[in-house]
Amino acid sequence: MKISIIVAKARNNVIGKDNQLVWKLSGDLQHFKKTTLGHHVIMGRKTFESMGKPLPGRTSVVITRNKDYQVPSPHYVVHSLDQAINIVAKKGLEHAFILGGAEIFKQALPSTDEMIITEVDASPVGDTFFPAVDYFEWEKVSEERHPKDEKNEYNYTFVTYKRKSLPEK
């Protein structure tokens, strides 16, 4: 099964503030929807709650320590990243997307096959950051630049990285 992180991050690795996005990028939201539609999306509870409701056309797998937390059917509550990945794997699905937040990204990076990053040309103030990545382990396989306009307040670039196959020692 392929595991992809999908995230929009600023030059300073900011991904949010007060559990919200820190920019208006209509193009990024459209790209996110097109990429994740029809798939299982794995996220932490705060990320799930920041959306206000489950994303249409996707199955949410929400990670929380709260044993009493509930989400509407057909979505899932789990208590670890491993449990979330196992749910998707047991269904025989080919692809799952990690949506965040910061701690979930940090936990997921070692087992992620692909990173789909919207690189936002800004350095906003934030309180949530994408973890440091050793880009030596990754190969940039695509890049698509977009200028700011009336619906997108910053320049942004869609970049896809695939994990390199490192030679065995």
Protein backbone atom coordinates (compact mmCIF):
# COMPACT_ATOMS: atom_id res chain seq x y z
CA MET A 1 0.00 0.00 0.00
CA LYS A 2 1.24 3.47 -0.90
CA ILE A 3 1.27 6.09 1.87
CA SER A 4 1.37 9.73 0.85
CA ILE A 5 1.69 12.83 2.96
CA ILE A 6 -0.23 15.76 1.49
CA VAL A 7 0.46 19.18 2.99
CA ALA A 8 0.73 22.87 2.23
CA LYS A 9 3.72 24.43 3.98
CA ALA A 10 5.39 27.82 3.97
CA ARG A 11 9.10 28.50 3.42
CA ASN A 12 9.53 28.49 7.22
CA ASN A 13 7.65 25.14 7.46
CA VAL A 14 4.56 26.76 9.02
CA ILE A 15 1.43 24.71 8.29
CA GLY A 16 -1.04 26.46 10.57
CA LYS A 17 -1.91 28.74 13.45
CA ASP A 18 -4.63 28.25 16.05
CA ASN A 19 -5.66 25.02 14.26
CA GLN A 20 -6.39 26.88 11.00
CA LEU A 21 -4.65 27.48 7.68
CA VAL A 22 -2.73 30.75 7.51
CA TRP A 23 -3.41 31.60 3.85
CA LYS A 24 -6.09 31.68 1.19
CA LEU A 25 -5.09 29.41 -1.69
CA SER A 26 -8.07 28.24 -3.72
CA GLY A 27 -5.74 26.39 -6.11
CA ASP A 28 -4.28 24.36 -3.26
CA LEU A 29 -7.72 23.39 -1.96
CA GLN A 30 -8.78 22.26 -5.45
CA HIS A 31 -5.54 20.25 -5.83
CA PHE A 32 -6.06 18.68 -2.40
CA LYS A 33 -9.64 17.66 -3.25
CA LYS A 34 -8.72 16.25 -6.66
CA THR A 35 -5.82 14.26 -5.18
CA THR A 36 -7.60 12.78 -2.14
CA LEU A 37 -11.15 12.26 -3.47
CA GLY A 38 -12.24 8.63 -3.19
CA HIS A 39 -9.46 7.69 -0.78
CA HIS A 40 -9.00 7.10 2.93
CA VAL A 41 -7.48 10.10 4.69
CA ILE A 42 -5.63 9.72 7.99
CA MET A 43 -5.42 12.63 10.41
CA GLY A 44 -5.22 13.63 14.02
CA ARG A 45 -8.29 14.71 15.96
CA LYS A 46 -7.44 18.43 15.89
CA THR A 47 -7.05 18.36 12.11
CA PHE A 48 -10.38 16.53 11.79
CA GLU A 49 -12.12 19.05 14.05
CA SER A 50 -10.61 22.01 12.18
CA MET A 51 -12.50 20.86 9.07
CA GLY A 52 -15.83 21.01 10.87
CA LYS A 53 -17.12 17.78 9.32
CA PRO A 54 -15.83 14.75 7.42
CA LEU A 55 -14.57 15.57 3.93
CA PRO A 56 -17.11 14.57 1.27
CA GLY A 57 -16.10 11.64 -0.92
CA ARG A 58 -13.37 10.45 1.42
CA THR A 59 -13.24 8.10 4.41
CA SER A 60 -11.64 9.71 7.46
CA VAL A 61 -9.49 7.74 9.87
CA VAL A 62 -9.06 9.93 12.96
CA ILE A 63 -6.26 9.32 15.45
CA THR A 64 -6.89 10.36 19.06
CA ARG A 65 -5.91 9.31 22.57
CA ASN A 66 -9.52 9.91 23.67
CA LYS A 67 -11.07 6.44 24.01
CA ASP A 68 -14.60 7.95 23.95
CA TYR A 69 -14.16 10.02 20.78
CA GLN A 70 -16.67 9.26 18.03
CA VAL A 71 -17.07 10.12 14.35
CA PRO A 72 -20.04 9.37 12.11
CA SER A 73 -20.14 6.14 10.11
CA PRO A 74 -18.43 5.16 7.77
CA HIS A 75 -15.46 6.97 9.31
CA TYR A 76 -13.10 5.50 11.91
CA VAL A 77 -11.51 6.43 15.22
CA VAL A 78 -8.19 4.81 16.12
CA HIS A 79 -5.59 5.41 18.78
CA SER A 80 -2.32 5.18 16.84
CA LEU A 81 -0.91 5.74 13.38
CA ASP A 82 -0.24 2.00 13.08
CA GLN A 83 -3.93 1.25 13.72
CA ALA A 84 -4.93 3.81 11.09
CA ILE A 85 -2.62 2.29 8.47
CA ASN A 86 -3.80 -1.22 9.37
CA ILE A 87 -7.45 -0.28 8.76
CA VAL A 88 -6.63 0.85 5.24
CA ALA A 89 -4.32 -2.10 4.57
CA LYS A 90 -6.87 -4.68 5.79
CA LYS A 91 -9.39 -3.28 3.32
CA GLY A 92 -6.93 -4.06 0.54
CA LEU A 93 -6.78 -0.44 -0.57
CA GLU A 94 -3.82 0.72 -2.64
CA HIS A 95 -3.40 4.26 -1.31
CA ALA A 96 -3.86 6.30 1.87
CA PHE A 97 -3.18 9.97 2.51
CA ILE A 98 -1.79 11.48 5.71
CA LEU A 99 -3.33 14.93 6.30
CA GLY A 100 -1.63 15.94 9.55
CA GLY A 101 -1.22 17.59 11.93
CA ALA A 102 2.40 18.12 12.84
CA GLU A 103 2.77 15.16 15.22
CA ILE A 104 1.06 12.76 12.79
CA PHE A 105 3.35 13.97 9.98
CA LYS A 106 6.39 13.40 12.21
CA GLN A 107 5.25 9.86 13.05
CA ALA A 108 4.35 9.08 9.43
CA LEU A 109 7.50 10.34 7.69
CA PRO A 110 9.60 7.17 8.19
CA SER A 111 6.93 4.98 6.52
CA THR A 112 5.80 7.44 3.85
CA ASP A 113 6.38 6.59 0.18
CA GLU A 114 5.48 9.98 -1.27
CA MET A 115 5.15 13.60 -0.19
CA ILE A 116 2.79 15.86 -2.10
CA ILE A 117 3.74 19.33 -0.91
CA THR A 118 2.26 22.67 -1.80
CA GLU A 119 5.22 24.95 -1.20
CA VAL A 120 3.78 28.35 -0.32
CA ASP A 121 6.00 31.34 -1.12
CA ALA A 122 5.52 33.00 2.27
CA SER A 123 6.88 32.95 5.82
CA PRO A 124 3.81 33.56 7.99
CA VAL A 125 3.65 33.48 11.76
CA GLY A 126 2.31 30.13 12.93
CA ASP A 127 2.26 27.69 15.81
CA THR A 128 2.26 24.43 13.86
CA PHE A 129 5.16 23.29 11.69
CA PHE A 130 5.90 20.53 9.19
CA PRO A 131 8.78 18.44 10.57
CA ALA A 132 12.31 18.67 9.21
CA VAL A 133 12.87 16.38 6.23
CA ASP A 134 16.15 14.88 5.06
CA TYR A 135 15.70 15.59 1.36
CA PHE A 136 18.66 13.32 0.56
CA GLU A 137 16.18 10.45 1.04
CA TRP A 138 13.73 11.94 -1.50
CA GLU A 139 13.64 12.52 -5.23
CA LYS A 140 11.64 15.41 -6.68
CA VAL A 141 9.52 13.88 -9.44
CA SER A 142 7.26 16.78 -10.38
CA GLU A 143 6.93 20.50 -9.88
CA GLU A 144 4.14 22.82 -11.01
CA ARG A 145 4.41 26.56 -10.27
CA HIS A 146 1.42 28.88 -9.85
CA PRO A 147 1.45 32.68 -9.50
CA LYS A 148 -0.63 34.52 -6.95
CA ASP A 149 -3.91 35.95 -8.24
CA GLU A 150 -7.30 37.09 -6.93
CA LYS A 151 -8.03 33.63 -5.44
CA ASN A 152 -4.52 32.78 -4.24
CA GLU A 153 -2.76 35.28 -2.00
CA TYR A 154 0.76 33.86 -2.51
CA ASN A 155 2.77 32.19 -5.25
CA TYR A 156 2.75 28.44 -4.69
CA THR A 157 4.23 25.31 -6.20
CA PHE A 158 2.91 21.74 -6.20
CA VAL A 159 5.92 19.46 -5.64
CA THR A 160 5.86 15.68 -5.47
CA TYR A 161 8.70 13.76 -3.85
CA LYS A 162 9.15 9.99 -3.94
CA ARG A 163 11.30 8.17 -1.43
CA LYS A 164 14.58 7.08 -3.01
CA SER A 165 15.49 3.44 -3.07
CA LEU A 166 18.74 3.48 -1.20
CA PRO A 167 21.36 0.79 -1.89
CA GLU A 168 21.59 -1.81 0.85
CA LYS A 169 24.66 -1.68 3.07
